[in-house]
Amino acid sequence: MSDLKPIIEALIFASPEPVTLKALLKLLDTEPKEDVEAAIAALRQDYDRPGGLQIVEVAGGFQIVTRSEFHEWVRRLFHERTTQKLSVAALETLAVIAYRQPVTAPEIAEIRGVNTAGVLGTLVDRKLIKIVGRKQVVGRPFMYGTTREFLERFGLNDITDLPKVEDMSELMGFDIPLGEPTPQTALPFESASVEDSGETLADVDNDSSQ
């Protein structure tokens, strides 16, 4: 345990992305799974103390991050990065996608009451959403869903960790229009991606506006 804890801490700290248990087990292939899990639990307990850092479970893995109460100080260090904020329209569109995914651009536009082509392009560029397939209706429009980057940015382990819509609306400072719930069984789609289909982001924007 005393040897495993610092190794796991170093791996989590050095990784630019959350490190999954599967990845740790692969790297520490000579160690029993139960020992690795015990070391992770002990390491998380070590970080459960007053300090500037904490270990969180996000996007299906573990990551060492700064505590939320110190974000304002950290923002000062990376001031230029934090100036690029999403607009209210982008946040609203992102929320609709998060709660209704998989969802098409026309469906999002119907819920929000405005064209979403430009906003979708921005969210794709920011890697917060991605194309997850095509809906099997006339025109076969793209269907959108959230990404792992979305989970990391919002501190979620998986999509089921999303707060209630009312809580999210209060957090964002505006109401999130979601319309009537659509059963997922009514949304058949083909799995696809921008790379797989050979389409460009410009094609995505054009398709979204239809």
N, C-alpha and C. Protein backbone atom coordinates (compact mmCIF):
# COMPACT_ATOMS: atom_id res chain seq x y z
N MET A 1 0.82 -1.20 0.00
CA MET A 1 0.00 0.00 0.00
C MET A 1 0.86 1.26 0.00
N SER A 2 1.91 1.26 0.82
CA SER A 2 2.77 2.43 0.92
C SER A 2 3.50 2.71 -0.38
N ASP A 3 3.76 1.66 -1.18
CA ASP A 3 4.41 1.84 -2.47
C ASP A 3 3.41 2.24 -3.56
N LEU A 4 2.20 1.68 -3.49
CA LEU A 4 1.20 1.91 -4.52
C LEU A 4 0.64 3.33 -4.48
N LYS A 5 0.40 3.86 -3.30
CA LYS A 5 -0.24 5.17 -3.17
C LYS A 5 0.52 6.28 -3.90
N PRO A 6 1.83 6.43 -3.68
CA PRO A 6 2.54 7.50 -4.39
C PRO A 6 2.62 7.27 -5.89
N ILE A 7 2.66 6.00 -6.32
CA ILE A 7 2.70 5.70 -7.75
C ILE A 7 1.38 6.13 -8.40
N ILE A 8 0.27 5.75 -7.77
CA ILE A 8 -1.04 6.11 -8.30
C ILE A 8 -1.24 7.62 -8.27
N GLU A 9 -0.79 8.26 -7.21
CA GLU A 9 -0.89 9.72 -7.11
C GLU A 9 -0.13 10.38 -8.25
N ALA A 10 1.06 9.90 -8.53
CA ALA A 10 1.88 10.46 -9.61
C ALA A 10 1.20 10.26 -10.97
N LEU A 11 0.61 9.09 -11.18
CA LEU A 11 -0.05 8.81 -12.45
C LEU A 11 -1.26 9.71 -12.66
N ILE A 12 -2.06 9.87 -11.62
CA ILE A 12 -3.25 10.72 -11.71
C ILE A 12 -2.85 12.17 -11.94
N PHE A 13 -1.81 12.61 -11.22
CA PHE A 13 -1.36 14.00 -11.33
C PHE A 13 -0.80 14.30 -12.71
N ALA A 14 -0.04 13.35 -13.26
CA ALA A 14 0.65 13.57 -14.53
C ALA A 14 -0.27 13.48 -15.74
N SER A 15 -1.38 12.77 -15.60
CA SER A 15 -2.26 12.57 -16.74
C SER A 15 -3.09 13.84 -17.04
N PRO A 16 -3.15 14.25 -18.31
CA PRO A 16 -3.96 15.42 -18.67
C PRO A 16 -5.45 15.13 -18.65
N GLU A 17 -5.82 13.85 -18.61
CA GLU A 17 -7.22 13.44 -18.57
C GLU A 17 -7.46 12.56 -17.36
N PRO A 18 -8.72 12.43 -16.92
CA PRO A 18 -9.03 11.54 -15.81
C PRO A 18 -8.53 10.12 -16.09
N VAL A 19 -7.91 9.51 -15.09
CA VAL A 19 -7.35 8.16 -15.25
C VAL A 19 -8.37 7.15 -14.73
N THR A 20 -8.78 6.24 -15.58
CA THR A 20 -9.77 5.24 -15.19
C THR A 20 -9.11 4.12 -14.37
N LEU A 21 -9.93 3.39 -13.64
CA LEU A 21 -9.43 2.23 -12.90
C LEU A 21 -8.84 1.21 -13.87
N LYS A 22 -9.49 1.04 -15.02
CA LYS A 22 -8.99 0.09 -16.03
C LYS A 22 -7.59 0.46 -16.48
N ALA A 23 -7.35 1.76 -16.68
CA ALA A 23 -6.03 2.21 -17.12
C ALA A 23 -4.98 1.97 -16.04
N LEU A 24 -5.36 2.23 -14.79
CA LEU A 24 -4.44 2.00 -13.68
C LEU A 24 -4.09 0.53 -13.54
N LEU A 25 -5.09 -0.32 -13.68
CA LEU A 25 -4.85 -1.76 -13.58
C LEU A 25 -3.94 -2.25 -14.70
N LYS A 26 -4.07 -1.65 -15.87
CA LYS A 26 -3.22 -2.03 -17.00
C LYS A 26 -1.78 -1.59 -16.76
N LEU A 27 -1.62 -0.38 -16.21
CA LEU A 27 -0.28 0.13 -15.92
C LEU A 27 0.36 -0.64 -14.77
N LEU A 28 -0.45 -0.99 -13.79
CA LEU A 28 0.05 -1.71 -12.61
C LEU A 28 -0.35 -3.18 -12.71
N ASP A 29 -0.01 -3.79 -13.84
CA ASP A 29 -0.48 -5.14 -14.14
C ASP A 29 0.05 -6.22 -13.21
N THR A 30 1.06 -5.90 -12.43
CA THR A 30 1.59 -6.91 -11.50
C THR A 30 0.91 -6.83 -10.13
N GLU A 31 0.05 -5.85 -9.97
CA GLU A 31 -0.62 -5.66 -8.67
C GLU A 31 -2.04 -6.20 -8.70
N PRO A 32 -2.49 -6.85 -7.63
CA PRO A 32 -3.87 -7.33 -7.57
C PRO A 32 -4.86 -6.17 -7.62
N LYS A 33 -6.00 -6.40 -8.24
CA LYS A 33 -7.02 -5.36 -8.39
C LYS A 33 -7.45 -4.79 -7.04
N GLU A 34 -7.64 -5.69 -6.07
CA GLU A 34 -8.11 -5.22 -4.76
C GLU A 34 -7.10 -4.31 -4.08
N ASP A 35 -5.80 -4.55 -4.32
CA ASP A 35 -4.76 -3.69 -3.74
C ASP A 35 -4.77 -2.31 -4.39
N VAL A 36 -4.98 -2.28 -5.70
CA VAL A 36 -5.04 -1.00 -6.41
C VAL A 36 -6.25 -0.20 -5.94
N GLU A 37 -7.39 -0.86 -5.83
CA GLU A 37 -8.61 -0.19 -5.37
C GLU A 37 -8.44 0.32 -3.95
N ALA A 38 -7.78 -0.47 -3.10
CA ALA A 38 -7.56 -0.05 -1.71
C ALA A 38 -6.63 1.15 -1.66
N ALA A 39 -5.61 1.17 -2.53
CA ALA A 39 -4.67 2.29 -2.56
C ALA A 39 -5.37 3.57 -3.04
N ILE A 40 -6.26 3.42 -4.02
CA ILE A 40 -7.03 4.58 -4.50
C ILE A 40 -7.90 5.14 -3.39
N ALA A 41 -8.57 4.25 -2.67
CA ALA A 41 -9.44 4.67 -1.57
C ALA A 41 -8.64 5.39 -0.49
N ALA A 42 -7.47 4.84 -0.16
CA ALA A 42 -6.62 5.46 0.85
C ALA A 42 -6.10 6.81 0.39
N LEU A 43 -5.75 6.91 -0.89
CA LEU A 43 -5.25 8.17 -1.45
C LEU A 43 -6.34 9.24 -1.42
N ARG A 44 -7.56 8.86 -1.77
CA ARG A 44 -8.68 9.81 -1.74
C ARG A 44 -8.94 10.29 -0.31
N GLN A 45 -8.76 9.39 0.63
CA GLN A 45 -8.94 9.77 2.03
C GLN A 45 -7.85 10.75 2.46
N ASP A 46 -6.63 10.56 1.96
CA ASP A 46 -5.54 11.49 2.27
C ASP A 46 -5.86 12.90 1.80
N TYR A 47 -6.52 12.99 0.65
CA TYR A 47 -6.85 14.31 0.07
C TYR A 47 -8.12 14.91 0.68
N ASP A 48 -8.82 14.11 1.48
CA ASP A 48 -10.04 14.60 2.12
C ASP A 48 -9.70 15.40 3.36
N ARG A 49 -8.99 16.49 3.15
CA ARG A 49 -8.51 17.33 4.24
C ARG A 49 -8.42 18.76 3.72
N PRO A 50 -8.35 19.75 4.59
CA PRO A 50 -8.19 21.13 4.12
C PRO A 50 -6.93 21.28 3.28
N GLY A 51 -7.06 21.93 2.15
CA GLY A 51 -5.92 22.11 1.26
C GLY A 51 -6.39 22.66 -0.07
N GLY A 52 -5.47 22.89 -0.97
CA GLY A 52 -5.81 23.48 -2.25
C GLY A 52 -6.22 22.48 -3.31
N LEU A 53 -5.91 21.18 -3.09
CA LEU A 53 -6.19 20.16 -4.09
C LEU A 53 -7.13 19.09 -3.56
N GLN A 54 -7.77 18.41 -4.49
CA GLN A 54 -8.63 17.29 -4.13
C GLN A 54 -8.63 16.27 -5.26
N ILE A 55 -8.96 15.02 -4.94
CA ILE A 55 -9.12 13.99 -5.96
C ILE A 55 -10.61 13.81 -6.21
N VAL A 56 -11.00 13.92 -7.47
CA VAL A 56 -12.41 13.75 -7.81
C VAL A 56 -12.56 12.62 -8.82
N GLU A 57 -13.74 12.02 -8.82
CA GLU A 57 -14.06 11.01 -9.83
C GLU A 57 -14.92 11.69 -10.87
N VAL A 58 -14.38 11.84 -12.07
CA VAL A 58 -15.07 12.58 -13.12
C VAL A 58 -14.86 11.90 -14.46
N ALA A 59 -15.91 11.91 -15.30
CA ALA A 59 -15.83 11.31 -16.64
C ALA A 59 -15.32 9.87 -16.59
N GLY A 60 -15.68 9.14 -15.55
CA GLY A 60 -15.31 7.74 -15.45
C GLY A 60 -13.91 7.48 -14.95
N GLY A 61 -13.20 8.51 -14.51
CA GLY A 61 -11.83 8.33 -14.02
C GLY A 61 -11.53 9.24 -12.85
N PHE A 62 -10.27 9.24 -12.43
CA PHE A 62 -9.83 10.03 -11.28
C PHE A 62 -8.93 11.17 -11.75
N GLN A 63 -9.06 12.31 -11.09
CA GLN A 63 -8.29 13.48 -11.46
C GLN A 63 -7.99 14.31 -10.22
N ILE A 64 -6.79 14.89 -10.17
CA ILE A 64 -6.41 15.80 -9.09
C ILE A 64 -6.69 17.22 -9.58
N VAL A 65 -7.56 17.93 -8.88
CA VAL A 65 -7.97 19.27 -9.30
C VAL A 65 -7.90 20.24 -8.12
N THR A 66 -7.97 21.53 -8.45
CA THR A 66 -8.03 22.54 -7.39
C THR A 66 -9.44 22.56 -6.80
N ARG A 67 -9.53 22.94 -5.56
CA ARG A 67 -10.84 23.03 -4.91
C ARG A 67 -11.60 24.24 -5.44
N SER A 68 -12.93 24.09 -5.52
CA SER A 68 -13.77 25.12 -6.13
C SER A 68 -13.64 26.47 -5.45
N GLU A 69 -13.39 26.49 -4.14
CA GLU A 69 -13.30 27.76 -3.44
C GLU A 69 -12.08 28.58 -3.83
N PHE A 70 -11.15 27.94 -4.57
CA PHE A 70 -9.94 28.66 -4.99
C PHE A 70 -9.93 28.95 -6.50
N HIS A 71 -11.06 28.69 -7.16
CA HIS A 71 -11.12 28.89 -8.61
C HIS A 71 -10.83 30.32 -9.02
N GLU A 72 -11.29 31.30 -8.23
CA GLU A 72 -11.08 32.69 -8.59
C GLU A 72 -9.60 33.03 -8.62
N TRP A 73 -8.84 32.47 -7.69
CA TRP A 73 -7.39 32.70 -7.66
C TRP A 73 -6.72 32.03 -8.86
N VAL A 74 -7.17 30.82 -9.18
CA VAL A 74 -6.59 30.10 -10.31
C VAL A 74 -6.92 30.83 -11.62
N ARG A 75 -8.11 31.41 -11.69
CA ARG A 75 -8.50 32.15 -12.89
C ARG A 75 -7.54 33.31 -13.16
N ARG A 76 -7.04 33.91 -12.09
CA ARG A 76 -6.10 35.03 -12.26
C ARG A 76 -4.83 34.55 -12.96
N LEU A 77 -4.44 33.30 -12.66
CA LEU A 77 -3.25 32.75 -13.29
C LEU A 77 -3.47 32.49 -14.77
N PHE A 78 -4.69 32.04 -15.11
CA PHE A 78 -5.01 31.72 -16.51
C PHE A 78 -6.06 32.67 -17.04
N HIS A 79 -5.85 33.95 -16.80
CA HIS A 79 -6.86 34.97 -17.14
C HIS A 79 -7.27 34.92 -18.61
N GLU A 80 -6.32 34.77 -19.51
CA GLU A 80 -6.63 34.80 -20.93
C GLU A 80 -7.54 33.65 -21.34
N ARG A 81 -7.36 32.51 -20.69
CA ARG A 81 -8.19 31.36 -21.03
C ARG A 81 -9.64 31.56 -20.60
N THR A 82 -9.84 32.21 -19.47
CA THR A 82 -11.17 32.31 -18.90
C THR A 82 -12.01 33.41 -19.53
N THR A 83 -11.42 34.20 -20.44
CA THR A 83 -12.20 35.26 -21.07
C THR A 83 -13.14 34.71 -22.14
N GLN A 84 -12.89 33.50 -22.63
CA GLN A 84 -13.73 32.90 -23.67
C GLN A 84 -14.89 32.14 -23.02
N LYS A 85 -15.93 32.88 -22.71
CA LYS A 85 -17.08 32.27 -22.05
C LYS A 85 -18.16 31.95 -23.08
N LEU A 86 -18.95 30.93 -22.78
CA LEU A 86 -20.06 30.59 -23.64
C LEU A 86 -21.19 31.59 -23.45
N SER A 87 -21.88 31.91 -24.54
CA SER A 87 -23.02 32.82 -24.46
C SER A 87 -24.19 32.11 -23.79
N VAL A 88 -25.18 32.90 -23.41
CA VAL A 88 -26.40 32.32 -22.81
C VAL A 88 -27.05 31.37 -23.81
N ALA A 89 -27.08 31.75 -25.09
CA ALA A 89 -27.67 30.89 -26.12
C ALA A 89 -26.94 29.56 -26.21
N ALA A 90 -25.60 29.59 -26.12
CA ALA A 90 -24.80 28.36 -26.20
C ALA A 90 -25.05 27.49 -24.97
N LEU A 91 -25.10 28.12 -23.80
CA LEU A 91 -25.34 27.36 -22.57
C LEU A 91 -26.73 26.73 -22.59
N GLU A 92 -27.70 27.50 -23.09
CA GLU A 92 -29.07 26.99 -23.16
C GLU A 92 -29.15 25.80 -24.12
N THR A 93 -28.50 25.93 -25.27
CA THR A 93 -28.48 24.84 -26.26
C THR A 93 -27.77 23.62 -25.70
N LEU A 94 -26.65 23.84 -25.00
CA LEU A 94 -25.90 22.75 -24.40
C LEU A 94 -26.75 22.01 -23.37
N ALA A 95 -27.52 22.76 -22.59
CA ALA A 95 -28.38 22.15 -21.57
C ALA A 95 -29.47 21.30 -22.23
N VAL A 96 -30.05 21.79 -23.32
CA VAL A 96 -31.07 21.03 -24.03
C VAL A 96 -30.49 19.72 -24.54
N ILE A 97 -29.29 19.78 -25.11
CA ILE A 97 -28.64 18.57 -25.63
C ILE A 97 -28.34 17.60 -24.49
N ALA A 98 -27.83 18.13 -23.37
CA ALA A 98 -27.46 17.27 -22.25
C ALA A 98 -28.66 16.50 -21.71
N TYR A 99 -29.81 17.16 -21.62
CA TYR A 99 -30.99 16.53 -21.02
C TYR A 99 -31.85 15.77 -22.02
N ARG A 100 -31.69 16.05 -23.33
CA ARG A 100 -32.55 15.40 -24.31
C ARG A 100 -31.81 14.50 -25.29
N GLN A 101 -30.51 14.34 -25.12
CA GLN A 101 -29.70 13.58 -26.09
C GLN A 101 -30.15 12.13 -26.21
N PRO A 102 -30.03 11.54 -27.43
CA PRO A 102 -29.57 12.20 -28.67
C PRO A 102 -30.68 13.06 -29.26
N VAL A 103 -30.33 14.21 -29.81
CA VAL A 103 -31.32 15.17 -30.29
C VAL A 103 -30.79 15.85 -31.55
N THR A 104 -31.68 16.17 -32.48
CA THR A 104 -31.29 16.79 -33.75
C THR A 104 -31.37 18.31 -33.65
N ALA A 105 -30.73 18.97 -34.62
CA ALA A 105 -30.76 20.43 -34.67
C ALA A 105 -32.19 20.96 -34.83
N PRO A 106 -33.02 20.39 -35.72
CA PRO A 106 -34.40 20.86 -35.83
C PRO A 106 -35.17 20.71 -34.52
N GLU A 107 -34.93 19.62 -33.79
CA GLU A 107 -35.61 19.42 -32.51
C GLU A 107 -35.17 20.47 -31.49
N ILE A 108 -33.86 20.77 -31.49
CA ILE A 108 -33.35 21.80 -30.58
C ILE A 108 -33.95 23.15 -30.93
N ALA A 109 -34.01 23.46 -32.25
CA ALA A 109 -34.57 24.74 -32.71
C ALA A 109 -36.03 24.86 -32.33
N GLU A 110 -36.76 23.74 -32.41
CA GLU A 110 -38.18 23.77 -32.05
C GLU A 110 -38.36 24.03 -30.56
N ILE A 111 -37.49 23.45 -29.74
CA ILE A 111 -37.56 23.64 -28.29
C ILE A 111 -37.21 25.06 -27.92
N ARG A 112 -36.12 25.59 -28.52
CA ARG A 112 -35.63 26.93 -28.17
C ARG A 112 -36.33 28.04 -28.94
N GLY A 113 -36.91 27.70 -30.10
CA GLY A 113 -37.62 28.71 -30.87
C GLY A 113 -36.73 29.58 -31.72
N VAL A 114 -35.46 29.22 -31.87
CA VAL A 114 -34.52 29.99 -32.70
C VAL A 114 -33.61 29.03 -33.44
N ASN A 115 -32.98 29.51 -34.52
CA ASN A 115 -32.03 28.71 -35.29
C ASN A 115 -30.79 28.44 -34.42
N THR A 116 -30.28 27.22 -34.49
CA THR A 116 -29.17 26.83 -33.61
C THR A 116 -27.88 26.51 -34.36
N ALA A 117 -27.85 26.73 -35.68
CA ALA A 117 -26.70 26.28 -36.49
C ALA A 117 -25.38 26.83 -35.98
N GLY A 118 -25.30 28.14 -35.79
CA GLY A 118 -24.04 28.76 -35.35
C GLY A 118 -23.64 28.30 -33.96
N VAL A 119 -24.61 28.17 -33.07
CA VAL A 119 -24.33 27.75 -31.69
C VAL A 119 -23.82 26.31 -31.66
N LEU A 120 -24.42 25.45 -32.48
CA LEU A 120 -23.97 24.05 -32.53
C LEU A 120 -22.53 23.98 -33.00
N GLY A 121 -22.18 24.80 -33.99
CA GLY A 121 -20.81 24.82 -34.48
C GLY A 121 -19.83 25.21 -33.38
N THR A 122 -20.22 26.19 -32.58
CA THR A 122 -19.37 26.63 -31.46
C THR A 122 -19.18 25.51 -30.45
N LEU A 123 -20.26 24.83 -30.11
CA LEU A 123 -20.19 23.76 -29.12
C LEU A 123 -19.37 22.57 -29.63
N VAL A 124 -19.46 22.29 -30.94
CA VAL A 124 -18.64 21.23 -31.54
C VAL A 124 -17.16 21.63 -31.48
N ASP A 125 -16.88 22.90 -31.82
CA ASP A 125 -15.50 23.40 -31.79
C ASP A 125 -14.92 23.31 -30.39
N ARG A 126 -15.75 23.58 -29.38
CA ARG A 126 -15.29 23.52 -27.99
C ARG A 126 -15.22 22.09 -27.46
N LYS A 127 -15.63 21.12 -28.31
CA LYS A 127 -15.60 19.70 -27.96
C LYS A 127 -16.53 19.37 -26.79
N LEU A 128 -17.59 20.16 -26.65
CA LEU A 128 -18.59 19.91 -25.61
C LEU A 128 -19.70 19.00 -26.11
N ILE A 129 -19.92 18.99 -27.43
CA ILE A 129 -20.89 18.08 -28.03
C ILE A 129 -20.26 17.42 -29.24
N LYS A 130 -20.88 16.35 -29.71
CA LYS A 130 -20.40 15.65 -30.90
C LYS A 130 -21.58 15.03 -31.62
N ILE A 131 -21.36 14.66 -32.88
CA ILE A 131 -22.37 13.96 -33.65
C ILE A 131 -22.35 12.49 -33.24
N VAL A 132 -23.52 11.98 -32.86
CA VAL A 132 -23.59 10.58 -32.40
C VAL A 132 -24.33 9.68 -33.37
N GLY A 133 -24.85 10.27 -34.45
CA GLY A 133 -25.55 9.46 -35.43
C GLY A 133 -26.46 10.29 -36.31
N ARG A 134 -27.29 9.62 -37.09
CA ARG A 134 -28.30 10.29 -37.93
C ARG A 134 -29.66 9.70 -37.62
N LYS A 135 -30.65 10.56 -37.47
CA LYS A 135 -32.01 10.09 -37.19
C LYS A 135 -32.63 9.56 -38.47
N GLN A 136 -33.31 8.43 -38.37
CA GLN A 136 -33.89 7.79 -39.55
C GLN A 136 -35.23 8.41 -39.92
N VAL A 137 -35.17 9.67 -40.35
CA VAL A 137 -36.34 10.38 -40.87
C VAL A 137 -35.90 11.06 -42.16
N VAL A 138 -36.84 11.73 -42.85
CA VAL A 138 -36.52 12.42 -44.09
C VAL A 138 -35.40 13.44 -43.86
N GLY A 139 -34.37 13.38 -44.69
CA GLY A 139 -33.23 14.27 -44.54
C GLY A 139 -32.13 13.71 -43.67
N ARG A 140 -32.43 12.68 -42.89
CA ARG A 140 -31.46 12.02 -42.01
C ARG A 140 -30.58 13.06 -41.29
N PRO A 141 -31.18 13.95 -40.47
CA PRO A 141 -30.40 14.98 -39.78
C PRO A 141 -29.46 14.37 -38.74
N PHE A 142 -28.37 15.07 -38.50
CA PHE A 142 -27.42 14.64 -37.48
C PHE A 142 -28.07 14.67 -36.11
N MET A 143 -27.64 13.76 -35.24
CA MET A 143 -28.08 13.75 -33.84
C MET A 143 -26.87 14.09 -32.98
N TYR A 144 -27.09 14.90 -31.96
CA TYR A 144 -26.01 15.39 -31.11
C TYR A 144 -26.11 14.84 -29.69
N GLY A 145 -24.95 14.67 -29.08
CA GLY A 145 -24.87 14.26 -27.68
C GLY A 145 -23.66 14.93 -27.05
N THR A 146 -23.56 14.86 -25.75
CA THR A 146 -22.44 15.48 -25.04
C THR A 146 -21.21 14.58 -25.09
N THR A 147 -20.07 15.17 -24.79
CA THR A 147 -18.78 14.47 -24.87
C THR A 147 -18.18 14.24 -23.49
N ARG A 148 -17.07 13.54 -23.48
CA ARG A 148 -16.33 13.36 -22.24
C ARG A 148 -15.80 14.71 -21.74
N GLU A 149 -15.44 15.59 -22.68
CA GLU A 149 -14.99 16.93 -22.31
C GLU A 149 -16.09 17.67 -21.54
N PHE A 150 -17.33 17.47 -21.94
CA PHE A 150 -18.47 18.07 -21.24
C PHE A 150 -18.51 17.59 -19.78
N LEU A 151 -18.35 16.27 -19.61
CA LEU A 151 -18.36 15.70 -18.25
C LEU A 151 -17.25 16.30 -17.41
N GLU A 152 -16.05 16.42 -18.00
CA GLU A 152 -14.91 16.96 -17.26
C GLU A 152 -15.15 18.42 -16.88
N ARG A 153 -15.65 19.21 -17.83
CA ARG A 153 -15.86 20.64 -17.58
C ARG A 153 -16.87 20.87 -16.47
N PHE A 154 -17.89 20.01 -16.41
CA PHE A 154 -18.95 20.20 -15.43
C PHE A 154 -18.79 19.31 -14.20
N GLY A 155 -17.67 18.58 -14.13
CA GLY A 155 -17.39 17.78 -12.94
C GLY A 155 -18.33 16.62 -12.73
N LEU A 156 -18.77 15.98 -13.82
CA LEU A 156 -19.71 14.86 -13.74
C LEU A 156 -18.99 13.55 -14.02
N ASN A 157 -19.36 12.51 -13.29
CA ASN A 157 -18.78 11.20 -13.55
C ASN A 157 -19.42 10.58 -14.79
N ASP A 158 -20.73 10.69 -14.92
CA ASP A 158 -21.42 10.30 -16.14
C ASP A 158 -22.69 11.14 -16.25
N ILE A 159 -23.41 10.98 -17.34
CA ILE A 159 -24.54 11.85 -17.65
C ILE A 159 -25.67 11.71 -16.63
N THR A 160 -25.73 10.59 -15.93
CA THR A 160 -26.78 10.40 -14.92
C THR A 160 -26.56 11.28 -13.70
N ASP A 161 -25.37 11.90 -13.61
CA ASP A 161 -25.09 12.79 -12.49
C ASP A 161 -25.59 14.21 -12.71
N LEU A 162 -26.22 14.46 -13.86
CA LEU A 162 -26.76 15.79 -14.11
C LEU A 162 -27.76 16.18 -13.02
N PRO A 163 -27.71 17.41 -12.55
CA PRO A 163 -28.68 17.85 -11.54
C PRO A 163 -30.06 17.97 -12.15
N LYS A 164 -31.08 18.15 -11.30
CA LYS A 164 -32.43 18.37 -11.80
C LYS A 164 -32.45 19.63 -12.66
N VAL A 165 -33.35 19.64 -13.64
CA VAL A 165 -33.43 20.78 -14.55
C VAL A 165 -33.64 22.08 -13.77
N GLU A 166 -34.47 22.03 -12.73
CA GLU A 166 -34.74 23.23 -11.94
C GLU A 166 -33.47 23.74 -11.28
N ASP A 167 -32.66 22.82 -10.77
CA ASP A 167 -31.41 23.20 -10.12
C ASP A 167 -30.42 23.78 -11.14
N MET A 168 -30.35 23.17 -12.32
CA MET A 168 -29.46 23.66 -13.36
C MET A 168 -29.90 25.04 -13.83
N SER A 169 -31.21 25.25 -13.96
CA SER A 169 -31.73 26.56 -14.38
C SER A 169 -31.35 27.63 -13.36
N GLU A 170 -31.46 27.28 -12.07
CA GLU A 170 -31.11 28.24 -11.02
C GLU A 170 -29.61 28.53 -11.05
N LEU A 171 -28.81 27.49 -11.29
CA LEU A 171 -27.36 27.66 -11.34
C LEU A 171 -26.95 28.56 -12.49
N MET A 172 -27.58 28.38 -13.66
CA MET A 172 -27.23 29.15 -14.84
C MET A 172 -27.86 30.54 -14.85
N GLY A 173 -28.92 30.71 -14.07
CA GLY A 173 -29.54 32.02 -14.00
C GLY A 173 -30.62 32.26 -15.04
N PHE A 174 -31.08 31.20 -15.73
CA PHE A 174 -32.18 31.34 -16.69
C PHE A 174 -32.87 29.99 -16.83
N ASP A 175 -34.11 30.03 -17.31
CA ASP A 175 -34.88 28.80 -17.49
C ASP A 175 -34.37 28.02 -18.69
N ILE A 176 -34.31 26.71 -18.54
CA ILE A 176 -33.87 25.84 -19.63
C ILE A 176 -35.11 25.25 -20.30
N PRO A 177 -35.42 25.64 -21.54
CA PRO A 177 -36.61 25.10 -22.22
C PRO A 177 -36.34 23.69 -22.72
N LEU A 178 -37.09 22.73 -22.25
CA LEU A 178 -36.87 21.36 -22.68
C LEU A 178 -38.06 20.79 -23.45
N GLY A 179 -39.20 21.49 -23.45
CA GLY A 179 -40.35 20.99 -24.18
C GLY A 179 -40.88 19.71 -23.56
N GLU A 180 -41.71 19.01 -24.32
CA GLU A 180 -42.28 17.75 -23.85
C GLU A 180 -41.24 16.64 -23.98
N PRO A 181 -41.14 15.76 -22.97
CA PRO A 181 -40.18 14.65 -23.04
C PRO A 181 -40.42 13.79 -24.27
N THR A 182 -39.35 13.38 -24.92
CA THR A 182 -39.43 12.50 -26.08
C THR A 182 -38.87 11.14 -25.71
N PRO A 183 -39.66 10.06 -25.79
CA PRO A 183 -39.15 8.73 -25.45
C PRO A 183 -37.94 8.38 -26.29
N GLN A 184 -36.89 7.86 -25.67
CA GLN A 184 -35.69 7.52 -26.42
C GLN A 184 -35.95 6.46 -27.48
N THR A 185 -36.97 5.60 -27.26
CA THR A 185 -37.27 4.56 -28.23
C THR A 185 -37.81 5.15 -29.52
N ALA A 186 -38.26 6.43 -29.46
CA ALA A 186 -38.80 7.07 -30.66
C ALA A 186 -37.71 7.80 -31.44
N LEU A 187 -36.47 7.59 -31.04
CA LEU A 187 -35.37 8.29 -31.69
C LEU A 187 -34.36 7.29 -32.27
N PRO A 188 -34.75 6.51 -33.27
CA PRO A 188 -33.80 5.59 -33.89
C PRO A 188 -32.74 6.38 -34.64
N PHE A 189 -31.50 5.90 -34.62
CA PHE A 189 -30.47 6.61 -35.36
C PHE A 189 -29.36 5.67 -35.76
N GLU A 190 -28.62 6.10 -36.78
CA GLU A 190 -27.43 5.39 -37.22
C GLU A 190 -26.22 5.99 -36.53
N SER A 191 -25.34 5.16 -36.02
CA SER A 191 -24.12 5.66 -35.43
C SER A 191 -23.25 6.27 -36.51
N ALA A 192 -22.72 7.48 -36.22
CA ALA A 192 -21.90 8.16 -37.22
C ALA A 192 -21.05 9.20 -36.54
N SER A 193 -20.11 9.75 -37.28
CA SER A 193 -19.28 10.83 -36.76
C SER A 193 -18.87 11.70 -37.94
N VAL A 194 -18.35 12.89 -37.63
CA VAL A 194 -17.91 13.78 -38.70
C VAL A 194 -16.81 13.11 -39.51
N GLU A 195 -15.88 12.43 -38.81
CA GLU A 195 -14.78 11.78 -39.50
C GLU A 195 -15.29 10.62 -40.34
N ASP A 196 -16.20 9.81 -39.75
CA ASP A 196 -16.69 8.62 -40.45
C ASP A 196 -17.45 8.99 -41.72
N SER A 197 -18.23 10.07 -41.64
CA SER A 197 -19.07 10.42 -42.78
C SER A 197 -18.33 11.25 -43.82
N GLY A 198 -17.11 11.73 -43.47
CA GLY A 198 -16.33 12.52 -44.39
C GLY A 198 -16.85 13.94 -44.52
N GLU A 199 -17.71 14.38 -43.59
CA GLU A 199 -18.28 15.71 -43.65
C GLU A 199 -17.44 16.67 -42.82
N THR A 200 -17.46 17.93 -43.20
CA THR A 200 -16.71 18.95 -42.49
C THR A 200 -17.62 19.67 -41.52
N LEU A 201 -17.01 20.53 -40.68
CA LEU A 201 -17.80 21.29 -39.73
C LEU A 201 -18.76 22.22 -40.47
N ALA A 202 -18.36 22.69 -41.65
CA ALA A 202 -19.25 23.53 -42.45
C ALA A 202 -20.47 22.73 -42.87
N ASP A 203 -20.25 21.46 -43.20
CA ASP A 203 -21.38 20.58 -43.55
C ASP A 203 -22.29 20.41 -42.37
N VAL A 204 -21.71 20.30 -41.16
CA VAL A 204 -22.51 20.15 -39.94
C VAL A 204 -23.40 21.35 -39.76
N ASP A 205 -22.85 22.56 -39.94
CA ASP A 205 -23.63 23.77 -39.77
C ASP A 205 -24.75 23.86 -40.80
N ASN A 206 -24.43 23.50 -42.07
CA ASN A 206 -25.45 23.54 -43.11
C ASN A 206 -26.55 22.55 -42.84
N ASP A 207 -26.15 21.34 -42.41
CA ASP A 207 -27.12 20.30 -42.12
C ASP A 207 -28.00 20.72 -40.97
N SER A 208 -27.41 21.39 -39.96
CA SER A 208 -28.13 21.75 -38.75
C SER A 208 -29.19 22.79 -39.03
N SER A 209 -28.98 23.62 -40.06
CA SER A 209 -29.91 24.70 -40.31
C SER A 209 -31.12 24.26 -41.11
N GLN A 210 -31.10 23.01 -41.59
CA GLN A 210 -32.20 22.54 -42.42
C GLN A 210 -33.41 22.18 -41.56
